Amino acid sequence: VRVERFLMPGIRAVKADQLVRTDGDARIVPDADTAAAMVAAGRTRVITSWAVVIDSAGWVQEVAAITSTGFLAYDVRIAAGIRGWRFQPFEDEHGMAIPVATTYTFVWTP
């Protein structure tokens, strides 16, 4: 999955640092059992990227893994966490709130 998949007419691609998150925890970590499984599997660093579409009101509309963690429970946890985020509406050059697509990368180390 790539962010381009979400670039339908009217959705602009933006960098994550252009958005202002107003609600939701940016730090999404695996639960204790999943973290233990990652360590047991020899994974001392897990990197994952996600495509996110945010509507003109600032609500997350779509979430998809670009690169999976390889641990379903952590992927599910990340997707649920992102769905709980809220953003300040993104405005175009005319001051109109528009839907946008962006990517987020998470890095987990024990």
C-alpha atoms as a PDB file:
ATOM      1  CA  VAL A   1       0.000   0.000   0.000  1.00  0.00           C
ATOM      2  CA  ARG A   2       1.265   3.453  -0.849  1.00  0.00           C
ATOM      3  CA  VAL A   3      -0.192   6.848  -0.005  1.00  0.00           C
ATOM      4  CA  GLU A   4      -0.784   7.363  -3.751  1.00  0.00           C
ATOM      5  CA  ARG A   5      -3.576   4.768  -3.501  1.00  0.00           C
ATOM      6  CA  PHE A   6      -5.583   7.308  -1.519  1.00  0.00           C
ATOM      7  CA  LEU A   7      -4.976  10.251  -3.811  1.00  0.00           C
ATOM      8  CA  MET A   8      -8.390  10.499  -5.346  1.00  0.00           C
ATOM      9  CA  PRO A   9      -9.587  13.822  -6.748  1.00  0.00           C
ATOM     10  CA  GLY A  10      -9.749  16.397  -3.973  1.00  0.00           C
ATOM     11  CA  ILE A  11      -7.292  14.654  -1.635  1.00  0.00           C
ATOM     12  CA  ARG A  12      -3.930  16.349  -1.377  1.00  0.00           C
ATOM     13  CA  ALA A  13      -0.738  14.606  -0.255  1.00  0.00           C
ATOM     14  CA  VAL A  14       0.982  16.496   2.562  1.00  0.00           C
ATOM     15  CA  LYS A  15       3.897  15.866   4.888  1.00  0.00           C
ATOM     16  CA  ALA A  16       2.945  14.761   8.378  1.00  0.00           C
ATOM     17  CA  ASP A  17       4.672  17.782   9.902  1.00  0.00           C
ATOM     18  CA  GLN A  18       2.208  20.045   8.058  1.00  0.00           C
ATOM     19  CA  LEU A  19      -0.632  18.652  10.184  1.00  0.00           C
ATOM     20  CA  VAL A  20      -1.576  19.573  13.740  1.00  0.00           C
ATOM     21  CA  ARG A  21      -2.843  16.630  15.798  1.00  0.00           C
ATOM     22  CA  THR A  22      -5.353  17.829  18.389  1.00  0.00           C
ATOM     23  CA  ASP A  23      -6.276  14.496  19.956  1.00  0.00           C
ATOM     24  CA  GLY A  24      -4.864  11.000  20.258  1.00  0.00           C
ATOM     25  CA  ASP A  25      -1.578   9.550  21.443  1.00  0.00           C
ATOM     26  CA  ALA A  26       1.260   9.804  18.929  1.00  0.00           C
ATOM     27  CA  ARG A  27       3.216   7.086  20.731  1.00  0.00           C
ATOM     28  CA  ILE A  28       1.618   3.729  19.951  1.00  0.00           C
ATOM     29  CA  VAL A  29       3.543   0.831  21.465  1.00  0.00           C
ATOM     30  CA  PRO A  30       2.895  -2.917  21.411  1.00  0.00           C
ATOM     31  CA  ASP A  31       1.202  -4.611  24.343  1.00  0.00           C
ATOM     32  CA  ALA A  32       3.470  -6.535  26.729  1.00  0.00           C
ATOM     33  CA  ASP A  33       2.817  -9.956  25.150  1.00  0.00           C
ATOM     34  CA  THR A  34       3.533  -8.704  21.638  1.00  0.00           C
ATOM     35  CA  ALA A  35       6.650  -6.879  22.804  1.00  0.00           C
ATOM     36  CA  ALA A  36       7.870 -10.111  24.433  1.00  0.00           C
ATOM     37  CA  ALA A  37       7.157 -12.022  21.206  1.00  0.00           C
ATOM     38  CA  MET A  38       9.128  -9.456  19.210  1.00  0.00           C
ATOM     39  CA  VAL A  39      12.116  -9.788  21.521  1.00  0.00           C
ATOM     40  CA  ALA A  40      11.842 -13.596  21.483  1.00  0.00           C
ATOM     41  CA  ALA A  41      11.887 -13.436  17.672  1.00  0.00           C
ATOM     42  CA  GLY A  42      15.106 -11.431  17.808  1.00  0.00           C
ATOM     43  CA  ARG A  43      13.492  -8.188  16.690  1.00  0.00           C
ATOM     44  CA  THR A  44      15.255  -5.440  18.586  1.00  0.00           C
ATOM     45  CA  ARG A  45      13.938  -2.730  16.285  1.00  0.00           C
ATOM     46  CA  VAL A  46      10.615  -2.716  14.458  1.00  0.00           C
ATOM     47  CA  ILE A  47       9.877  -0.036  11.852  1.00  0.00           C
ATOM     48  CA  THR A  48       6.481   0.336  10.229  1.00  0.00           C
ATOM     49  CA  SER A  49       4.894   2.977   7.993  1.00  0.00           C
ATOM     50  CA  TRP A  50       1.230   3.835   7.553  1.00  0.00           C
ATOM     51  CA  ALA A  51      -0.841   5.766   5.016  1.00  0.00           C
ATOM     52  CA  VAL A  52      -3.538   7.945   6.551  1.00  0.00           C
ATOM     53  CA  VAL A  53      -6.385   9.925   4.973  1.00  0.00           C
ATOM     54  CA  ILE A  54      -7.839  12.792   7.005  1.00  0.00           C
ATOM     55  CA  ASP A  55     -11.115  14.418   6.013  1.00  0.00           C
ATOM     56  CA  SER A  56     -11.763  18.152   5.800  1.00  0.00           C
ATOM     57  CA  ALA A  57     -13.050  18.198   9.397  1.00  0.00           C
ATOM     58  CA  GLY A  58      -9.839  16.622  10.739  1.00  0.00           C
ATOM     59  CA  TRP A  59     -11.114  13.073  11.322  1.00  0.00           C
ATOM     60  CA  VAL A  60      -9.110  10.047  10.195  1.00  0.00           C
ATOM     61  CA  GLN A  61     -11.042   8.347   7.382  1.00  0.00           C
ATOM     62  CA  GLU A  62      -8.670   5.636   6.182  1.00  0.00           C
ATOM     63  CA  VAL A  63      -5.638   3.862   7.596  1.00  0.00           C
ATOM     64  CA  ALA A  64      -3.489   1.265   5.832  1.00  0.00           C
ATOM     65  CA  ALA A  65      -0.113  -0.291   6.531  1.00  0.00           C
ATOM     66  CA  ILE A  66       2.540   0.520   3.948  1.00  0.00           C
ATOM     67  CA  THR A  67       4.951  -1.801   5.736  1.00  0.00           C
ATOM     68  CA  SER A  68       3.679  -4.215   8.372  1.00  0.00           C
ATOM     69  CA  THR A  69       5.429  -4.796  11.673  1.00  0.00           C
ATOM     70  CA  GLY A  70       5.205  -8.523  11.046  1.00  0.00           C
ATOM     71  CA  PHE A  71       3.164  -8.852  14.242  1.00  0.00           C
ATOM     72  CA  LEU A  72      -0.583  -8.747  13.642  1.00  0.00           C
ATOM     73  CA  ALA A  73      -1.437  -7.649  17.194  1.00  0.00           C
ATOM     74  CA  TYR A  74       0.845  -4.613  16.900  1.00  0.00           C
ATOM     75  CA  ASP A  75      -0.468  -3.742  13.434  1.00  0.00           C
ATOM     76  CA  VAL A  76      -4.039  -3.856  14.788  1.00  0.00           C
ATOM     77  CA  ARG A  77      -3.031  -1.711  17.764  1.00  0.00           C
ATOM     78  CA  ILE A  78      -1.377   0.898  15.530  1.00  0.00           C
ATOM     79  CA  ALA A  79      -4.359   1.049  13.162  1.00  0.00           C
ATOM     80  CA  ALA A  80      -6.766   1.482  16.091  1.00  0.00           C
ATOM     81  CA  GLY A  81      -4.564   4.164  17.631  1.00  0.00           C
ATOM     82  CA  ILE A  82      -4.345   6.151  14.402  1.00  0.00           C
ATOM     83  CA  ARG A  83      -8.121   5.916  13.931  1.00  0.00           C
ATOM     84  CA  GLY A  84      -8.451   7.667  17.298  1.00  0.00           C
ATOM     85  CA  TRP A  85      -6.405  10.670  16.187  1.00  0.00           C
ATOM     86  CA  ARG A  86      -8.008  14.009  15.408  1.00  0.00           C
ATOM     87  CA  PHE A  87      -6.400  16.879  13.521  1.00  0.00           C
ATOM     88  CA  GLN A  88      -6.887  20.565  13.009  1.00  0.00           C
ATOM     89  CA  PRO A  89      -8.518  20.823   9.566  1.00  0.00           C
ATOM     90  CA  PHE A  90      -5.918  21.343   6.842  1.00  0.00           C
ATOM     91  CA  GLU A  91      -6.511  24.468   4.795  1.00  0.00           C
ATOM     92  CA  ASP A  92      -5.528  25.007   1.181  1.00  0.00           C
ATOM     93  CA  GLU A  93      -4.078  28.246  -0.167  1.00  0.00           C
ATOM     94  CA  HIS A  94      -7.593  29.764  -0.241  1.00  0.00           C
ATOM     95  CA  GLY A  95      -8.317  28.980   3.414  1.00  0.00           C
ATOM     96  CA  MET A  96     -10.692  26.131   2.571  1.00  0.00           C
ATOM     97  CA  ALA A  97     -10.505  22.975   4.682  1.00  0.00           C
ATOM     98  CA  ILE A  98      -9.623  20.020   2.431  1.00  0.00           C
ATOM     99  CA  PRO A  99      -9.038  16.270   2.878  1.00  0.00           C
ATOM    100  CA  VAL A 100      -5.412  15.167   2.897  1.00  0.00           C
ATOM    101  CA  ALA A 101      -3.308  12.005   2.805  1.00  0.00           C
ATOM    102  CA  THR A 102      -0.019  11.536   4.611  1.00  0.00           C
ATOM    103  CA  THR A 103       2.251   8.875   6.053  1.00  0.00           C
ATOM    104  CA  TYR A 104       3.471   8.121   9.552  1.00  0.00           C
ATOM    105  CA  THR A 105       6.387   5.919  10.564  1.00  0.00           C
ATOM    106  CA  PHE A 106       6.684   4.201  13.923  1.00  0.00           C
ATOM    107  CA  VAL A 107       9.909   2.806  15.369  1.00  0.00           C
ATOM    108  CA  TRP A 108       9.761   0.449  18.337  1.00  0.00           C
ATOM    109  CA  THR A 109      12.736  -0.755  20.325  1.00  0.00           C
ATOM    110  CA  PRO A 110      12.575  -2.738  23.582  1.00  0.00           C
END
